Amino acid sequence: MTEQTVSNMIEYTDFTKIDVRVGTIIDAKPFPEARHPAFQLWVDFGKILGIKKTSAQVTKHYTLDSLKGRQVAAVINFPPKQIGKFMSEILVLGFPDETGEVVLVSIDQNVPNGGKLF
């Protein structure tokens, strides 16, 4: 693996444009139509933001059952993206492991759904 460096520097105001919120996965289903192994996820962001859906290539480290009830961080202000017949509304965040497989960003204490990252 090559050493990674910091990308282009941004201003704090650029960071504030990205709306990262915490939500709880309330449902997870197989997504056999996806080009790469993935699951369909429904994430509850609380009363104001509601439930949003996404597909996530997290099949290496997670099962459908292990995802349900897990709090995740997600970007909620990207435009929706059509993935096959499924409309993805958010981007769940993760980091690559040593082989490039996704490990979800984890929240180490339960926090209210919909909370914004700062």
PDB file of N, CA and C in Angstrom:
ATOM      1  N   MET A   1       0.826  -1.176   0.000  1.00  0.00           N
ATOM      2  CA  MET A   1       0.000   0.000   0.000  1.00  0.00           C
ATOM      3  C   MET A   1       0.878   1.250   0.000  1.00  0.00           C
ATOM      4  N   THR A   2       0.506   2.230  -0.764  1.00  0.00           N
ATOM      5  CA  THR A   2       1.286   3.455  -0.805  1.00  0.00           C
ATOM      6  C   THR A   2       0.864   4.377   0.323  1.00  0.00           C
ATOM      7  N   GLU A   3       1.785   5.240   0.719  1.00  0.00           N
ATOM      8  CA  GLU A   3       1.476   6.210   1.764  1.00  0.00           C
ATOM      9  C   GLU A   3       0.485   7.240   1.230  1.00  0.00           C
ATOM     10  N   GLN A   4      -0.508   7.548   2.024  1.00  0.00           N
ATOM     11  CA  GLN A   4      -1.500   8.528   1.603  1.00  0.00           C
ATOM     12  C   GLN A   4      -1.182   9.870   2.226  1.00  0.00           C
ATOM     13  N   THR A   5      -1.484  10.917   1.488  1.00  0.00           N
ATOM     14  CA  THR A   5      -1.259  12.259   1.992  1.00  0.00           C
ATOM     15  C   THR A   5      -2.596  12.980   2.117  1.00  0.00           C
ATOM     16  N   VAL A   6      -2.559  14.117   2.758  1.00  0.00           N
ATOM     17  CA  VAL A   6      -3.757  14.931   2.913  1.00  0.00           C
ATOM     18  C   VAL A   6      -4.168  15.462   1.550  1.00  0.00           C
ATOM     19  N   SER A   7      -5.473  15.402   1.269  1.00  0.00           N
ATOM     20  CA  SER A   7      -6.001  15.936   0.015  1.00  0.00           C
ATOM     21  C   SER A   7      -5.916  17.451   0.031  1.00  0.00           C
ATOM     22  N   ASN A   8      -6.490  18.066  -0.966  1.00  0.00           N
ATOM     23  CA  ASN A   8      -6.522  19.518  -1.024  1.00  0.00           C
ATOM     24  C   ASN A   8      -7.111  20.087   0.254  1.00  0.00           C
ATOM     25  N   MET A   9      -6.480  21.109   0.779  1.00  0.00           N
ATOM     26  CA  MET A   9      -6.984  21.767   1.982  1.00  0.00           C
ATOM     27  C   MET A   9      -8.296  22.475   1.660  1.00  0.00           C
ATOM     28  N   ILE A  10      -9.199  22.485   2.633  1.00  0.00           N
ATOM     29  CA  ILE A  10     -10.479  23.170   2.475  1.00  0.00           C
ATOM     30  C   ILE A  10     -10.647  24.168   3.614  1.00  0.00           C
ATOM     31  N   GLU A  11     -11.566  25.051   3.440  1.00  0.00           N
ATOM     32  CA  GLU A  11     -11.916  25.989   4.495  1.00  0.00           C
ATOM     33  C   GLU A  11     -12.977  25.344   5.386  1.00  0.00           C
ATOM     34  N   TYR A  12     -13.106  25.834   6.610  1.00  0.00           N
ATOM     35  CA  TYR A  12     -14.110  25.313   7.526  1.00  0.00           C
ATOM     36  C   TYR A  12     -15.509  25.437   6.924  1.00  0.00           C
ATOM     37  N   THR A  13     -15.762  26.500   6.195  1.00  0.00           N
ATOM     38  CA  THR A  13     -17.085  26.674   5.584  1.00  0.00           C
ATOM     39  C   THR A  13     -17.379  25.577   4.573  1.00  0.00           C
ATOM     40  N   ASP A  14     -16.326  25.025   3.925  1.00  0.00           N
ATOM     41  CA  ASP A  14     -16.532  23.889   3.023  1.00  0.00           C
ATOM     42  C   ASP A  14     -17.016  22.676   3.820  1.00  0.00           C
ATOM     43  N   PHE A  15     -16.408  22.438   4.966  1.00  0.00           N
ATOM     44  CA  PHE A  15     -16.797  21.317   5.826  1.00  0.00           C
ATOM     45  C   PHE A  15     -18.253  21.444   6.265  1.00  0.00           C
ATOM     46  N   THR A  16     -18.681  22.655   6.576  1.00  0.00           N
ATOM     47  CA  THR A  16     -20.046  22.842   7.072  1.00  0.00           C
ATOM     48  C   THR A  16     -21.099  22.561   6.000  1.00  0.00           C
ATOM     49  N   LYS A  17     -20.712  22.484   4.750  1.00  0.00           N
ATOM     50  CA  LYS A  17     -21.651  22.164   3.674  1.00  0.00           C
ATOM     51  C   LYS A  17     -22.027  20.682   3.672  1.00  0.00           C
ATOM     52  N   ILE A  18     -21.192  19.848   4.274  1.00  0.00           N
ATOM     53  CA  ILE A  18     -21.443  18.412   4.313  1.00  0.00           C
ATOM     54  C   ILE A  18     -22.266  18.104   5.557  1.00  0.00           C
ATOM     55  N   ASP A  19     -23.449  17.561   5.355  1.00  0.00           N
ATOM     56  CA  ASP A  19     -24.355  17.275   6.462  1.00  0.00           C
ATOM     57  C   ASP A  19     -24.229  15.805   6.842  1.00  0.00           C
ATOM     58  N   VAL A  20     -23.428  15.531   7.870  1.00  0.00           N
ATOM     59  CA  VAL A  20     -23.224  14.168   8.366  1.00  0.00           C
ATOM     60  C   VAL A  20     -24.066  14.006   9.626  1.00  0.00           C
ATOM     61  N   ARG A  21     -24.943  13.007   9.592  1.00  0.00           N
ATOM     62  CA  ARG A  21     -25.854  12.750  10.713  1.00  0.00           C
ATOM     63  C   ARG A  21     -25.721  11.315  11.190  1.00  0.00           C
ATOM     64  N   VAL A  22     -26.189  11.079  12.401  1.00  0.00           N
ATOM     65  CA  VAL A  22     -26.225   9.738  12.954  1.00  0.00           C
ATOM     66  C   VAL A  22     -27.648   9.194  12.820  1.00  0.00           C
ATOM     67  N   GLY A  23     -27.712   7.916  12.476  1.00  0.00           N
ATOM     68  CA  GLY A  23     -29.000   7.242  12.375  1.00  0.00           C
ATOM     69  C   GLY A  23     -28.849   5.785  12.768  1.00  0.00           C
ATOM     70  N   THR A  24     -29.976   5.138  12.973  1.00  0.00           N
ATOM     71  CA  THR A  24     -29.992   3.728  13.352  1.00  0.00           C
ATOM     72  C   THR A  24     -30.546   2.903  12.204  1.00  0.00           C
ATOM     73  N   ILE A  25     -29.824   1.866  11.825  1.00  0.00           N
ATOM     74  CA  ILE A  25     -30.294   0.955  10.776  1.00  0.00           C
ATOM     75  C   ILE A  25     -31.481   0.186  11.327  1.00  0.00           C
ATOM     76  N   ILE A  26     -32.641   0.352  10.675  1.00  0.00           N
ATOM     77  CA  ILE A  26     -33.843  -0.334  11.150  1.00  0.00           C
ATOM     78  C   ILE A  26     -34.197  -1.538  10.290  1.00  0.00           C
ATOM     79  N   ASP A  27     -33.635  -1.594   9.076  1.00  0.00           N
ATOM     80  CA  ASP A  27     -33.884  -2.746   8.214  1.00  0.00           C
ATOM     81  C   ASP A  27     -32.703  -2.911   7.267  1.00  0.00           C
ATOM     82  N   ALA A  28     -32.412  -4.140   6.924  1.00  0.00           N
ATOM     83  CA  ALA A  28     -31.332  -4.473   5.991  1.00  0.00           C
ATOM     84  C   ALA A  28     -31.786  -5.671   5.174  1.00  0.00           C
ATOM     85  N   LYS A  29     -31.617  -5.559   3.854  1.00  0.00           N
ATOM     86  CA  LYS A  29     -32.044  -6.630   2.953  1.00  0.00           C
ATOM     87  C   LYS A  29     -30.948  -6.920   1.937  1.00  0.00           C
ATOM     88  N   PRO A  30     -30.946  -8.130   1.392  1.00  0.00           N
ATOM     89  CA  PRO A  30     -29.995  -8.436   0.324  1.00  0.00           C
ATOM     90  C   PRO A  30     -30.250  -7.535  -0.887  1.00  0.00           C
ATOM     91  N   PHE A  31     -29.219  -7.320  -1.682  1.00  0.00           N
ATOM     92  CA  PHE A  31     -29.343  -6.519  -2.895  1.00  0.00           C
ATOM     93  C   PHE A  31     -28.672  -7.288  -4.034  1.00  0.00           C
ATOM     94  N   PRO A  32     -29.302  -8.396  -4.465  1.00  0.00           N
ATOM     95  CA  PRO A  32     -28.672  -9.265  -5.466  1.00  0.00           C
ATOM     96  C   PRO A  32     -28.486  -8.592  -6.828  1.00  0.00           C
ATOM     97  N   GLU A  33     -29.235  -7.527  -7.120  1.00  0.00           N
ATOM     98  CA  GLU A  33     -29.123  -6.854  -8.416  1.00  0.00           C
ATOM     99  C   GLU A  33     -27.901  -5.931  -8.493  1.00  0.00           C
ATOM    100  N   ALA A  34     -27.270  -5.642  -7.380  1.00  0.00           N
ATOM    101  CA  ALA A  34     -26.106  -4.747  -7.369  1.00  0.00           C
ATOM    102  C   ALA A  34     -24.940  -5.380  -8.117  1.00  0.00           C
ATOM    103  N   ARG A  35     -24.144  -4.538  -8.786  1.00  0.00           N
ATOM    104  CA  ARG A  35     -22.968  -5.022  -9.526  1.00  0.00           C
ATOM    105  C   ARG A  35     -21.934  -5.652  -8.602  1.00  0.00           C
ATOM    106  N   HIS A  36     -21.763  -5.057  -7.420  1.00  0.00           N
ATOM    107  CA  HIS A  36     -20.830  -5.578  -6.411  1.00  0.00           C
ATOM    108  C   HIS A  36     -21.660  -5.984  -5.199  1.00  0.00           C
ATOM    109  N   PRO A  37     -21.228  -6.984  -4.442  1.00  0.00           N
ATOM    110  CA  PRO A  37     -22.022  -7.426  -3.293  1.00  0.00           C
ATOM    111  C   PRO A  37     -22.390  -6.254  -2.381  1.00  0.00           C
ATOM    112  N   ALA A  38     -23.681  -6.134  -2.083  1.00  0.00           N
ATOM    113  CA  ALA A  38     -24.172  -5.008  -1.287  1.00  0.00           C
ATOM    114  C   ALA A  38     -25.459  -5.395  -0.572  1.00  0.00           C
ATOM    115  N   PHE A  39     -25.805  -4.573   0.405  1.00  0.00           N
ATOM    116  CA  PHE A  39     -27.073  -4.678   1.102  1.00  0.00           C
ATOM    117  C   PHE A  39     -27.865  -3.392   0.879  1.00  0.00           C
ATOM    118  N   GLN A  40     -29.178  -3.499   0.970  1.00  0.00           N
ATOM    119  CA  GLN A  40     -30.047  -2.321   1.012  1.00  0.00           C
ATOM    120  C   GLN A  40     -30.300  -2.029   2.487  1.00  0.00           C
ATOM    121  N   LEU A  41     -30.120  -0.775   2.881  1.00  0.00           N
ATOM    122  CA  LEU A  41     -30.289  -0.379   4.274  1.00  0.00           C
ATOM    123  C   LEU A  41     -31.330   0.726   4.395  1.00  0.00           C
ATOM    124  N   TRP A  42     -32.126   0.662   5.449  1.00  0.00           N
ATOM    125  CA  TRP A  42     -33.059   1.725   5.803  1.00  0.00           C
ATOM    126  C   TRP A  42     -32.581   2.268   7.140  1.00  0.00           C
ATOM    127  N   VAL A  43     -32.325   3.580   7.185  1.00  0.00           N
ATOM    128  CA  VAL A  43     -31.728   4.214   8.362  1.00  0.00           C
ATOM    129  C   VAL A  43     -32.677   5.270   8.910  1.00  0.00           C
ATOM    130  N   ASP A  44     -32.956   5.179  10.212  1.00  0.00           N
ATOM    131  CA  ASP A  44     -33.847   6.125  10.882  1.00  0.00           C
ATOM    132  C   ASP A  44     -33.025   7.284  11.444  1.00  0.00           C
ATOM    133  N   PHE A  45     -33.314   8.498  10.947  1.00  0.00           N
ATOM    134  CA  PHE A  45     -32.625   9.705  11.404  1.00  0.00           C
ATOM    135  C   PHE A  45     -33.494  10.551  12.337  1.00  0.00           C
ATOM    136  N   GLY A  46     -34.518   9.956  12.915  1.00  0.00           N
ATOM    137  CA  GLY A  46     -35.349  10.662  13.880  1.00  0.00           C
ATOM    138  C   GLY A  46     -36.558  11.328  13.254  1.00  0.00           C
ATOM    139  N   LYS A  47     -37.348  11.985  14.098  1.00  0.00           N
ATOM    140  CA  LYS A  47     -38.631  12.553  13.677  1.00  0.00           C
ATOM    141  C   LYS A  47     -38.502  13.603  12.584  1.00  0.00           C
ATOM    142  N   ILE A  48     -37.518  14.455  12.656  1.00  0.00           N
ATOM    143  CA  ILE A  48     -37.413  15.562  11.688  1.00  0.00           C
ATOM    144  C   ILE A  48     -36.959  15.067  10.315  1.00  0.00           C
ATOM    145  N   LEU A  49     -35.942  14.219  10.266  1.00  0.00           N
ATOM    146  CA  LEU A  49     -35.383  13.764   8.989  1.00  0.00           C
ATOM    147  C   LEU A  49     -36.022  12.482   8.471  1.00  0.00           C
ATOM    148  N   GLY A  50     -36.549  11.657   9.361  1.00  0.00           N
ATOM    149  CA  GLY A  50     -37.219  10.432   8.957  1.00  0.00           C
ATOM    150  C   GLY A  50     -36.290   9.307   8.560  1.00  0.00           C
ATOM    151  N   ILE A  51     -36.841   8.381   7.802  1.00  0.00           N
ATOM    152  CA  ILE A  51     -36.118   7.185   7.365  1.00  0.00           C
ATOM    153  C   ILE A  51     -35.614   7.409   5.947  1.00  0.00           C
ATOM    154  N   LYS A  52     -34.337   7.105   5.745  1.00  0.00           N
ATOM    155  CA  LYS A  52     -33.718   7.236   4.430  1.00  0.00           C
ATOM    156  C   LYS A  52     -33.094   5.888   4.076  1.00  0.00           C
ATOM    157  N   LYS A  53     -32.973   5.631   2.766  1.00  0.00           N
ATOM    158  CA  LYS A  53     -32.439   4.333   2.327  1.00  0.00           C
ATOM    159  C   LYS A  53     -31.166   4.513   1.524  1.00  0.00           C
ATOM    160  N   THR A  54     -30.382   3.452   1.515  1.00  0.00           N
ATOM    161  CA  THR A  54     -29.127   3.445   0.776  1.00  0.00           C
ATOM    162  C   THR A  54     -28.730   2.012   0.462  1.00  0.00           C
ATOM    163  N   SER A  55     -27.803   1.871  -0.456  1.00  0.00           N
ATOM    164  CA  SER A  55     -27.159   0.573  -0.630  1.00  0.00           C
ATOM    165  C   SER A  55     -25.732   0.728  -0.120  1.00  0.00           C
ATOM    166  N   ALA A  56     -25.200  -0.339   0.436  1.00  0.00           N
ATOM    167  CA  ALA A  56     -23.867  -0.277   1.020  1.00  0.00           C
ATOM    168  C   ALA A  56     -23.125  -1.579   0.749  1.00  0.00           C
ATOM    169  N   GLN A  57     -21.891  -1.447   0.291  1.00  0.00           N
ATOM    170  CA  GLN A  57     -21.053  -2.611   0.009  1.00  0.00           C
ATOM    171  C   GLN A  57     -20.318  -3.022   1.284  1.00  0.00           C
ATOM    172  N   VAL A  58     -21.072  -3.562   2.215  1.00  0.00           N
ATOM    173  CA  VAL A  58     -20.543  -3.915   3.533  1.00  0.00           C
ATOM    174  C   VAL A  58     -20.707  -5.402   3.833  1.00  0.00           C
ATOM    175  N   THR A  59     -20.800  -6.222   2.794  1.00  0.00           N
ATOM    176  CA  THR A  59     -21.109  -7.646   2.978  1.00  0.00           C
ATOM    177  C   THR A  59     -19.940  -8.450   3.539  1.00  0.00           C
ATOM    178  N   LYS A  60     -18.739  -7.938   3.483  1.00  0.00           N
ATOM    179  CA  LYS A  60     -17.567  -8.677   3.960  1.00  0.00           C
ATOM    180  C   LYS A  60     -17.545  -8.790   5.495  1.00  0.00           C
ATOM    181  N   HIS A  61     -17.832  -7.679   6.169  1.00  0.00           N
ATOM    182  CA  HIS A  61     -17.693  -7.644   7.629  1.00  0.00           C
ATOM    183  C   HIS A  61     -19.013  -7.680   8.391  1.00  0.00           C
ATOM    184  N   TYR A  62     -20.140  -7.599   7.683  1.00  0.00           N
ATOM    185  CA  TYR A  62     -21.427  -7.491   8.353  1.00  0.00           C
ATOM    186  C   TYR A  62     -22.441  -8.457   7.761  1.00  0.00           C
ATOM    187  N   THR A  63     -23.362  -8.907   8.607  1.00  0.00           N
ATOM    188  CA  THR A  63     -24.506  -9.697   8.156  1.00  0.00           C
ATOM    189  C   THR A  63     -25.739  -8.806   8.254  1.00  0.00           C
ATOM    190  N   LEU A  64     -26.816  -9.228   7.637  1.00  0.00           N
ATOM    191  CA  LEU A  64     -28.053  -8.459   7.719  1.00  0.00           C
ATOM    192  C   LEU A  64     -28.470  -8.261   9.174  1.00  0.00           C
ATOM    193  N   ASP A  65     -28.385  -9.332   9.963  1.00  0.00           N
ATOM    194  CA  ASP A  65     -28.786  -9.246  11.370  1.00  0.00           C
ATOM    195  C   ASP A  65     -27.859  -8.353  12.188  1.00  0.00           C
ATOM    196  N   SER A  66     -26.549  -8.377  11.888  1.00  0.00           N
ATOM    197  CA  SER A  66     -25.618  -7.553  12.673  1.00  0.00           C
ATOM    198  C   SER A  66     -25.764  -6.065  12.366  1.00  0.00           C
ATOM    199  N   LEU A  67     -26.355  -5.730  11.230  1.00  0.00           N
ATOM    200  CA  LEU A  67     -26.543  -4.321  10.874  1.00  0.00           C
ATOM    201  C   LEU A  67     -27.762  -3.706  11.561  1.00  0.00           C
ATOM    202  N   LYS A  68     -28.796  -4.493  11.746  1.00  0.00           N
ATOM    203  CA  LYS A  68     -30.031  -3.971  12.338  1.00  0.00           C
ATOM    204  C   LYS A  68     -29.775  -3.501  13.770  1.00  0.00           C
ATOM    205  N   GLY A  69     -30.164  -2.260  14.046  1.00  0.00           N
ATOM    206  CA  GLY A  69     -29.965  -1.680  15.368  1.00  0.00           C
ATOM    207  C   GLY A  69     -28.648  -0.937  15.523  1.00  0.00           C
ATOM    208  N   ARG A  70     -27.775  -1.020  14.553  1.00  0.00           N
ATOM    209  CA  ARG A  70     -26.462  -0.355  14.613  1.00  0.00           C
ATOM    210  C   ARG A  70     -26.606   1.116  14.250  1.00  0.00           C
ATOM    211  N   GLN A  71     -25.986   1.978  15.043  1.00  0.00           N
ATOM    212  CA  GLN A  71     -25.949   3.389  14.678  1.00  0.00           C
ATOM    213  C   GLN A  71     -24.795   3.624  13.717  1.00  0.00           C
ATOM    214  N   VAL A  72     -25.069   4.440  12.689  1.00  0.00           N
ATOM    215  CA  VAL A  72     -24.076   4.739  11.653  1.00  0.00           C
ATOM    216  C   VAL A  72     -24.055   6.239  11.393  1.00  0.00           C
ATOM    217  N   ALA A  73     -22.954   6.682  10.797  1.00  0.00           N
ATOM    218  CA  ALA A  73     -22.833   8.062  10.333  1.00  0.00           C
ATOM    219  C   ALA A  73     -23.060   8.058   8.825  1.00  0.00           C
ATOM    220  N   ALA A  74     -23.768   9.078   8.343  1.00  0.00           N
ATOM    221  CA  ALA A  74     -24.067   9.141   6.909  1.00  0.00           C
ATOM    222  C   ALA A  74     -24.144  10.587   6.437  1.00  0.00           C
ATOM    223  N   VAL A  75     -23.723  10.801   5.197  1.00  0.00           N
ATOM    224  CA  VAL A  75     -23.932  12.089   4.539  1.00  0.00           C
ATOM    225  C   VAL A  75     -25.365  12.069   4.028  1.00  0.00           C
ATOM    226  N   ILE A  76     -26.156  13.073   4.434  1.00  0.00           N
ATOM    227  CA  ILE A  76     -27.569  13.064   4.052  1.00  0.00           C
ATOM    228  C   ILE A  76     -27.920  14.121   3.011  1.00  0.00           C
ATOM    229  N   ASN A  77     -26.948  14.945   2.595  1.00  0.00           N
ATOM    230  CA  ASN A  77     -27.291  16.012   1.656  1.00  0.00           C
ATOM    231  C   ASN A  77     -26.658  15.860   0.274  1.00  0.00           C
ATOM    232  N   PHE A  78     -26.360  14.629  -0.123  1.00  0.00           N
ATOM    233  CA  PHE A  78     -26.034  14.352  -1.520  1.00  0.00           C
ATOM    234  C   PHE A  78     -27.349  14.169  -2.271  1.00  0.00           C
ATOM    235  N   PRO A  79     -27.369  14.460  -3.572  1.00  0.00           N
ATOM    236  CA  PRO A  79     -28.594  14.170  -4.327  1.00  0.00           C
ATOM    237  C   PRO A  79     -28.828  12.652  -4.378  1.00  0.00           C
ATOM    238  N   PRO A  80     -30.085  12.216  -4.451  1.00  0.00           N
ATOM    239  CA  PRO A  80     -30.361  10.774  -4.574  1.00  0.00           C
ATOM    240  C   PRO A  80     -29.656  10.194  -5.798  1.00  0.00           C
ATOM    241  N   LYS A  81     -29.278   8.916  -5.697  1.00  0.00           N
ATOM    242  CA  LYS A  81     -28.559   8.243  -6.783  1.00  0.00           C
ATOM    243  C   LYS A  81     -29.268   6.933  -7.102  1.00  0.00           C
ATOM    244  N   GLN A  82     -29.601   6.763  -8.367  1.00  0.00           N
ATOM    245  CA  GLN A  82     -30.255   5.528  -8.808  1.00  0.00           C
ATOM    246  C   GLN A  82     -29.214   4.426  -8.929  1.00  0.00           C
ATOM    247  N   ILE A  83     -29.444   3.322  -8.238  1.00  0.00           N
ATOM    248  CA  ILE A  83     -28.558   2.158  -8.305  1.00  0.00           C
ATOM    249  C   ILE A  83     -29.438   0.994  -8.729  1.00  0.00           C
ATOM    250  N   GLY A  84     -29.424   0.690 -10.021  1.00  0.00           N
ATOM    251  CA  GLY A  84     -30.351  -0.305 -10.559  1.00  0.00           C
ATOM    252  C   GLY A  84     -31.768   0.196 -10.381  1.00  0.00           C
ATOM    253  N   LYS A  85     -32.613  -0.630  -9.779  1.00  0.00           N
ATOM    254  CA  LYS A  85     -34.007  -0.237  -9.523  1.00  0.00           C
ATOM    255  C   LYS A  85     -34.175   0.403  -8.144  1.00  0.00           C
ATOM    256  N   PHE A  86     -33.067   0.648  -7.458  1.00  0.00           N
ATOM    257  CA  PHE A  86     -33.094   1.144  -6.076  1.00  0.00           C
ATOM    258  C   PHE A  86     -32.574   2.578  -6.034  1.00  0.00           C
ATOM    259  N   MET A  87     -33.287   3.462  -5.343  1.00  0.00           N
ATOM    260  CA  MET A  87     -32.869   4.853  -5.199  1.00  0.00           C
ATOM    261  C   MET A  87     -32.162   5.032  -3.854  1.00  0.00           C
ATOM    262  N   SER A  88     -30.872   5.349  -3.915  1.00  0.00           N
ATOM    263  CA  SER A  88     -30.082   5.576  -2.713  1.00  0.00           C
ATOM    264  C   SER A  88     -30.165   7.057  -2.345  1.00  0.00           C
ATOM    265  N   GLU A  89     -30.501   7.337  -1.087  1.00  0.00           N
ATOM    266  CA  GLU A  89     -30.721   8.712  -0.643  1.00  0.00           C
ATOM    267  C   GLU A  89     -29.603   9.272   0.223  1.00  0.00           C
ATOM    268  N   ILE A  90     -28.748   8.408   0.760  1.00  0.00           N
ATOM    269  CA  ILE A  90     -27.691   8.830   1.681  1.00  0.00           C
ATOM    270  C   ILE A  90     -26.415   8.053   1.375  1.00  0.00           C
ATOM    271  N   LEU A  91     -25.311   8.471   1.977  1.00  0.00           N
ATOM    272  CA  LEU A  91     -24.047   7.748   1.879  1.00  0.00           C
ATOM    273  C   LEU A  91     -23.592   7.386   3.283  1.00  0.00           C
ATOM    274  N   VAL A  92     -23.673   6.101   3.621  1.00  0.00           N
ATOM    275  CA  VAL A  92     -23.188   5.618   4.908  1.00  0.00           C
ATOM    276  C   VAL A  92     -21.665   5.625   4.856  1.00  0.00           C
ATOM    277  N   LEU A  93     -21.025   6.086   5.934  1.00  0.00           N
ATOM    278  CA  LEU A  93     -19.586   6.287   5.943  1.00  0.00           C
ATOM    279  C   LEU A  93     -18.820   5.104   6.525  1.00  0.00           C
ATOM    280  N   GLY A  94     -17.664   4.835   5.931  1.00  0.00           N
ATOM    281  CA  GLY A  94     -16.791   3.771   6.403  1.00  0.00           C
ATOM    282  C   GLY A  94     -15.370   4.018   5.946  1.00  0.00           C
ATOM    283  N   PHE A  95     -14.485   3.170   6.425  1.00  0.00           N
ATOM    284  CA  PHE A  95     -13.079   3.206   6.053  1.00  0.00           C
ATOM    285  C   PHE A  95     -12.681   1.861   5.468  1.00  0.00           C
ATOM    286  N   PRO A  96     -11.677   1.830   4.569  1.00  0.00           N
ATOM    287  CA  PRO A  96     -11.232   0.549   4.034  1.00  0.00           C
ATOM    288  C   PRO A  96     -10.339  -0.193   5.035  1.00  0.00           C
ATOM    289  N   ASP A  97     -10.535  -1.518   5.098  1.00  0.00           N
ATOM    290  CA  ASP A  97      -9.606  -2.326   5.880  1.00  0.00           C
ATOM    291  C   ASP A  97      -8.361  -2.571   5.029  1.00  0.00           C
ATOM    292  N   GLU A  98      -7.494  -3.457   5.467  1.00  0.00           N
ATOM    293  CA  GLU A  98      -6.241  -3.696   4.748  1.00  0.00           C
ATOM    294  C   GLU A  98      -6.441  -4.277   3.351  1.00  0.00           C
ATOM    295  N   THR A  99      -7.613  -4.842   3.077  1.00  0.00           N
ATOM    296  CA  THR A  99      -7.888  -5.385   1.743  1.00  0.00           C
ATOM    297  C   THR A  99      -8.845  -4.505   0.941  1.00  0.00           C
ATOM    298  N   GLY A 100      -9.228  -3.349   1.498  1.00  0.00           N
ATOM    299  CA  GLY A 100     -10.120  -2.437   0.796  1.00  0.00           C
ATOM    300  C   GLY A 100     -11.596  -2.647   1.077  1.00  0.00           C
ATOM    301  N   GLU A 101     -11.929  -3.580   1.963  1.00  0.00           N
ATOM    302  CA  GLU A 101     -13.331  -3.821   2.320  1.00  0.00           C
ATOM    303  C   GLU A 101     -13.798  -2.770   3.331  1.00  0.00           C
ATOM    304  N   VAL A 102     -15.067  -2.418   3.270  1.00  0.00           N
ATOM    305  CA  VAL A 102     -15.607  -1.333   4.096  1.00  0.00           C
ATOM    306  C   VAL A 102     -15.819  -1.768   5.549  1.00  0.00           C
ATOM    307  N   VAL A 103     -15.307  -0.932   6.461  1.00  0.00           N
ATOM    308  CA  VAL A 103     -15.581  -1.038   7.892  1.00  0.00           C
ATOM    309  C   VAL A 103     -16.331   0.242   8.250  1.00  0.00           C
ATOM    310  N   LEU A 104     -17.553   0.092   8.733  1.00  0.00           N
ATOM    311  CA  LEU A 104     -18.388   1.242   9.027  1.00  0.00           C
ATOM    312  C   LEU A 104     -17.805   2.110  10.137  1.00  0.00           C
ATOM    313  N   VAL A 105     -17.999   3.420  10.005  1.00  0.00           N
ATOM    314  CA  VAL A 105     -17.676   4.338  11.092  1.00  0.00           C
ATOM    315  C   VAL A 105     -18.605   3.980  12.237  1.00  0.00           C
ATOM    316  N   SER A 106     -18.060   3.821  13.428  1.00  0.00           N
ATOM    317  CA  SER A 106     -18.913   3.420  14.546  1.00  0.00           C
ATOM    318  C   SER A 106     -19.034   4.545  15.562  1.00  0.00           C
ATOM    319  N   ILE A 107     -20.159   4.555  16.220  1.00  0.00           N
ATOM    320  CA  ILE A 107     -20.447   5.507  17.285  1.00  0.00           C
ATOM    321  C   ILE A 107     -20.302   4.715  18.580  1.00  0.00           C
ATOM    322  N   ASP A 108     -19.427   5.160  19.486  1.00  0.00           N
ATOM    323  CA  ASP A 108     -19.127   4.325  20.651  1.00  0.00           C
ATOM    324  C   ASP A 108     -20.105   4.470  21.816  1.00  0.00           C
ATOM    325  N   GLN A 109     -21.048   5.407  21.710  1.00  0.00           N
ATOM    326  CA  GLN A 109     -22.127   5.527  22.687  1.00  0.00           C
ATOM    327  C   GLN A 109     -23.396   5.875  21.924  1.00  0.00           C
ATOM    328  N   ASN A 110     -24.536   5.372  22.387  1.00  0.00           N
ATOM    329  CA  ASN A 110     -25.791   5.711  21.711  1.00  0.00           C
ATOM    330  C   ASN A 110     -26.055   7.206  21.845  1.00  0.00           C
ATOM    331  N   VAL A 111     -26.421   7.816  20.718  1.00  0.00           N
ATOM    332  CA  VAL A 111     -26.769   9.233  20.684  1.00  0.00           C
ATOM    333  C   VAL A 111     -28.113   9.354  19.957  1.00  0.00           C
ATOM    334  N   PRO A 112     -28.811  10.465  20.132  1.00  0.00           N
ATOM    335  CA  PRO A 112     -30.108  10.609  19.470  1.00  0.00           C
ATOM    336  C   PRO A 112     -29.967  10.594  17.949  1.00  0.00           C
ATOM    337  N   ASN A 113     -30.857   9.856  17.285  1.00  0.00           N
ATOM    338  CA  ASN A 113     -30.876   9.834  15.818  1.00  0.00           C
ATOM    339  C   ASN A 113     -31.076  11.240  15.291  1.00  0.00           C
ATOM    340  N   GLY A 114     -30.376  11.552  14.210  1.00  0.00           N
ATOM    341  CA  GLY A 114     -30.484  12.848  13.582  1.00  0.00           C
ATOM    342  C   GLY A 114     -29.422  13.833  14.029  1.00  0.00           C
ATOM    343  N   GLY A 115     -28.656  13.480  15.055  1.00  0.00           N
ATOM    344  CA  GLY A 115     -27.601  14.383  15.530  1.00  0.00           C
ATOM    345  C   GLY A 115     -26.592  14.673  14.437  1.00  0.00           C
ATOM    346  N   LYS A 116     -26.162  15.936  14.353  1.00  0.00           N
ATOM    347  CA  LYS A 116     -25.232  16.375  13.309  1.00  0.00           C
ATOM    348  C   LYS A 116     -23.791  16.330  13.806  1.00  0.00           C
ATOM    349  N   LEU A 117     -22.911  15.841  12.953  1.00  0.00           N
ATOM    350  CA  LEU A 117     -21.477  15.801  13.254  1.00  0.00           C
ATOM    351  C   LEU A 117     -20.924  17.214  13.315  1.00  0.00           C
ATOM    352  N   PHE A 118     -20.115  17.463  14.321  1.00  0.00           N
ATOM    353  CA  PHE A 118     -19.406  18.738  14.404  1.00  0.00           C
ATOM    354  C   PHE A 118     -18.014  18.503  14.927  1.00  0.00           C
TER     355      PHE A 118
END
